[in-house]
Amino acid sequence: MSGLTEPLLALLAEHPDGLSLPRVCKRLGVRMSVLLRELAWIGEEAIGDVAGPGWVRVEGRGEVLAAAITERGRARLQAARTP
């Protein structure tokens, strides 16, 4: 995974109801294209025939997309923080 995965999961873990994608970009200091690419790799949707790990969920909230951490994502974050 990229160097953005853990900071992204940690940020989303602080916000159980999720955060809008523009707010995530601002907090992490990344461009939307970078965030969308990361979410594609660690999200619930498959890329081709390869299922994503399902660490985050992206959902529409009115006119805005928001990202939220899943239970799998919480487990991944915990594993990454455990020595």
Foldseek 3Di string as FASTA:
>chain_A
DDPVLLVLLVVQVVPQVFDFLVVSCVVVVHDSVVVVVVCVQQDQPADVPRGHQHQWYWDDDDPTITIHGDPSVVVVNVVVPDD
